[in-house]
Amino acid sequence: MIRHCVFLRFRDDVPASERQSIYLALEALCAKLPGANAIQWGENVSPETGMDKGFSEGFILDFADGAARDAYLVDAEHQTIARNIVSSTVGGAEGVIVFDMEV
């Protein structure tokens, strides 16, 4: 299984409703994609002050395997959502961390 972790540093002017619409769009996409097993999102609640480097929210997608993750990455709907994410974060792509691990 591949765990696709994405951590976000949203701009202050991006309202909570817009952030939620991003997560809901990801959820709807993953419901359609074979091998996309689960998605979770939320705010950072770690008590380790300063360790988040300003990345206050994120989401995790679990894929059955690398092929399912790779299909998600090139999906046209994912590409649209990804552009929306990048345009909503501090510094564009600088406001996004992607970390995939095999679990």
C-alpha atoms as a PDB file:
ATOM      1  CA  MET A   1       0.000   0.000   0.000  1.00  0.00           C
ATOM      2  CA  ILE A   2       1.130   3.548  -0.737  1.00  0.00           C
ATOM      3  CA  ARG A   3       0.315   6.293   1.764  1.00  0.00           C
ATOM      4  CA  HIS A   4       0.306   9.661  -0.022  1.00  0.00           C
ATOM      5  CA  CYS A   5       0.731  12.436   2.570  1.00  0.00           C
ATOM      6  CA  VAL A   6       0.253  16.086   1.587  1.00  0.00           C
ATOM      7  CA  PHE A   7       0.833  18.937   4.030  1.00  0.00           C
ATOM      8  CA  LEU A   8      -0.365  22.453   3.262  1.00  0.00           C
ATOM      9  CA  ARG A   9       0.429  25.991   4.289  1.00  0.00           C
ATOM     10  CA  PHE A  10      -2.690  27.846   3.123  1.00  0.00           C
ATOM     11  CA  ARG A  11      -2.633  31.596   2.617  1.00  0.00           C
ATOM     12  CA  ASP A  12      -4.461  33.503   5.361  1.00  0.00           C
ATOM     13  CA  ASP A  13      -6.978  34.878   2.848  1.00  0.00           C
ATOM     14  CA  VAL A  14      -8.195  31.396   1.806  1.00  0.00           C
ATOM     15  CA  PRO A  15     -11.427  30.824   3.743  1.00  0.00           C
ATOM     16  CA  ALA A  16     -12.224  27.575   5.517  1.00  0.00           C
ATOM     17  CA  SER A  17     -15.067  26.952   3.055  1.00  0.00           C
ATOM     18  CA  GLU A  18     -12.626  26.986   0.122  1.00  0.00           C
ATOM     19  CA  ARG A  19     -10.260  24.647   1.947  1.00  0.00           C
ATOM     20  CA  GLN A  20     -13.095  22.249   2.665  1.00  0.00           C
ATOM     21  CA  SER A  21     -14.194  22.318  -0.978  1.00  0.00           C
ATOM     22  CA  ILE A  22     -10.694  21.172  -1.956  1.00  0.00           C
ATOM     23  CA  TYR A  23     -10.892  18.232   0.436  1.00  0.00           C
ATOM     24  CA  LEU A  24     -14.401  17.323  -0.692  1.00  0.00           C
ATOM     25  CA  ALA A  25     -13.290  17.393  -4.336  1.00  0.00           C
ATOM     26  CA  LEU A  26     -10.435  15.039  -3.476  1.00  0.00           C
ATOM     27  CA  GLU A  27     -12.843  12.755  -1.632  1.00  0.00           C
ATOM     28  CA  ALA A  28     -15.211  12.657  -4.623  1.00  0.00           C
ATOM     29  CA  LEU A  29     -12.331  11.922  -6.998  1.00  0.00           C
ATOM     30  CA  CYS A  30     -10.966   9.128  -4.848  1.00  0.00           C
ATOM     31  CA  ALA A  31     -14.413   7.512  -4.661  1.00  0.00           C
ATOM     32  CA  LYS A  32     -14.208   7.089  -8.448  1.00  0.00           C
ATOM     33  CA  LEU A  33     -10.643   5.833  -8.777  1.00  0.00           C
ATOM     34  CA  PRO A  34      -9.839   2.120  -8.581  1.00  0.00           C
ATOM     35  CA  GLY A  35      -7.289   1.410  -5.868  1.00  0.00           C
ATOM     36  CA  ALA A  36      -7.908   4.641  -3.946  1.00  0.00           C
ATOM     37  CA  ASN A  37      -8.766   3.085  -0.586  1.00  0.00           C
ATOM     38  CA  ALA A  38      -9.171   5.950   1.867  1.00  0.00           C
ATOM     39  CA  ILE A  39      -8.756   9.680   2.346  1.00  0.00           C
ATOM     40  CA  GLN A  40      -8.490  11.678   5.550  1.00  0.00           C
ATOM     41  CA  TRP A  41      -7.875  15.373   6.078  1.00  0.00           C
ATOM     42  CA  GLY A  42      -7.619  17.798   8.921  1.00  0.00           C
ATOM     43  CA  GLU A  43      -5.720  20.431  10.834  1.00  0.00           C
ATOM     44  CA  ASN A  44      -2.413  19.837  12.560  1.00  0.00           C
ATOM     45  CA  VAL A  45      -3.050  19.229  16.253  1.00  0.00           C
ATOM     46  CA  SER A  46       0.498  18.424  17.302  1.00  0.00           C
ATOM     47  CA  PRO A  47       1.612  19.991  20.600  1.00  0.00           C
ATOM     48  CA  GLU A  48       5.189  20.214  19.273  1.00  0.00           C
ATOM     49  CA  THR A  49       5.334  23.971  18.867  1.00  0.00           C
ATOM     50  CA  GLY A  50       7.106  25.156  15.724  1.00  0.00           C
ATOM     51  CA  MET A  51       7.762  21.711  14.330  1.00  0.00           C
ATOM     52  CA  ASP A  52       5.046  22.102  11.683  1.00  0.00           C
ATOM     53  CA  LYS A  53       6.998  24.887   9.932  1.00  0.00           C
ATOM     54  CA  GLY A  54       3.664  26.590   9.240  1.00  0.00           C
ATOM     55  CA  PHE A  55       2.048  23.601   7.545  1.00  0.00           C
ATOM     56  CA  SER A  56      -1.262  23.769   9.370  1.00  0.00           C
ATOM     57  CA  GLU A  57      -3.419  21.312   7.415  1.00  0.00           C
ATOM     58  CA  GLY A  58      -3.097  18.270   5.271  1.00  0.00           C
ATOM     59  CA  PHE A  59      -4.566  15.135   3.812  1.00  0.00           C
ATOM     60  CA  ILE A  60      -3.566  11.507   3.470  1.00  0.00           C
ATOM     61  CA  LEU A  61      -4.657   9.181   0.695  1.00  0.00           C
ATOM     62  CA  ASP A  62      -4.113   5.440   0.865  1.00  0.00           C
ATOM     63  CA  PHE A  63      -3.683   3.628  -2.441  1.00  0.00           C
ATOM     64  CA  ALA A  64      -3.645  -0.129  -3.000  1.00  0.00           C
ATOM     65  CA  ASP A  65      -0.308   0.153  -4.789  1.00  0.00           C
ATOM     66  CA  GLY A  66       1.989   2.414  -6.762  1.00  0.00           C
ATOM     67  CA  ALA A  67       0.018   1.917  -9.974  1.00  0.00           C
ATOM     68  CA  ALA A  68      -3.172   3.236  -8.330  1.00  0.00           C
ATOM     69  CA  ARG A  69      -1.267   6.252  -6.965  1.00  0.00           C
ATOM     70  CA  ASP A  70       0.301   6.900 -10.359  1.00  0.00           C
ATOM     71  CA  ALA A  71      -3.126   6.795 -12.063  1.00  0.00           C
ATOM     72  CA  TYR A  72      -4.362   9.375  -9.538  1.00  0.00           C
ATOM     73  CA  LEU A  73      -1.400  11.663 -10.208  1.00  0.00           C
ATOM     74  CA  VAL A  74      -2.073  11.892 -13.956  1.00  0.00           C
ATOM     75  CA  ASP A  75      -5.872  12.038 -13.670  1.00  0.00           C
ATOM     76  CA  ALA A  76      -7.206  15.245 -15.263  1.00  0.00           C
ATOM     77  CA  GLU A  77      -9.506  15.973 -12.311  1.00  0.00           C
ATOM     78  CA  HIS A  78      -6.589  15.565  -9.899  1.00  0.00           C
ATOM     79  CA  GLN A  79      -4.538  17.972 -11.990  1.00  0.00           C
ATOM     80  CA  THR A  80      -7.282  20.607 -11.653  1.00  0.00           C
ATOM     81  CA  ILE A  81      -7.516  20.093  -7.880  1.00  0.00           C
ATOM     82  CA  ALA A  82      -3.719  20.244  -7.582  1.00  0.00           C
ATOM     83  CA  ARG A  83      -3.610  23.581  -9.423  1.00  0.00           C
ATOM     84  CA  ASN A  84      -6.287  24.891  -7.047  1.00  0.00           C
ATOM     85  CA  ILE A  85      -4.239  23.742  -4.052  1.00  0.00           C
ATOM     86  CA  VAL A  86      -1.034  25.341  -5.322  1.00  0.00           C
ATOM     87  CA  SER A  87      -2.815  28.626  -6.054  1.00  0.00           C
ATOM     88  CA  SER A  88      -4.189  28.626  -2.477  1.00  0.00           C
ATOM     89  CA  THR A  89      -0.937  28.068  -0.599  1.00  0.00           C
ATOM     90  CA  VAL A  90       1.790  30.414   0.594  1.00  0.00           C
ATOM     91  CA  GLY A  91       4.380  30.681  -2.164  1.00  0.00           C
ATOM     92  CA  GLY A  92       2.525  28.311  -4.489  1.00  0.00           C
ATOM     93  CA  ALA A  93       4.346  24.985  -4.638  1.00  0.00           C
ATOM     94  CA  GLU A  94       6.508  26.121  -1.700  1.00  0.00           C
ATOM     95  CA  GLY A  95       3.391  25.821   0.457  1.00  0.00           C
ATOM     96  CA  VAL A  96       2.946  22.119  -0.295  1.00  0.00           C
ATOM     97  CA  ILE A  97       4.872  19.090   0.943  1.00  0.00           C
ATOM     98  CA  VAL A  98       4.212  15.688  -0.616  1.00  0.00           C
ATOM     99  CA  PHE A  99       5.575  12.572   1.034  1.00  0.00           C
ATOM    100  CA  ASP A 100       4.710   9.060  -0.147  1.00  0.00           C
ATOM    101  CA  MET A 101       5.612   5.923   1.789  1.00  0.00           C
ATOM    102  CA  GLU A 102       5.042   2.260   1.336  1.00  0.00           C
ATOM    103  CA  VAL A 103       3.182   0.770   4.294  1.00  0.00           C
END
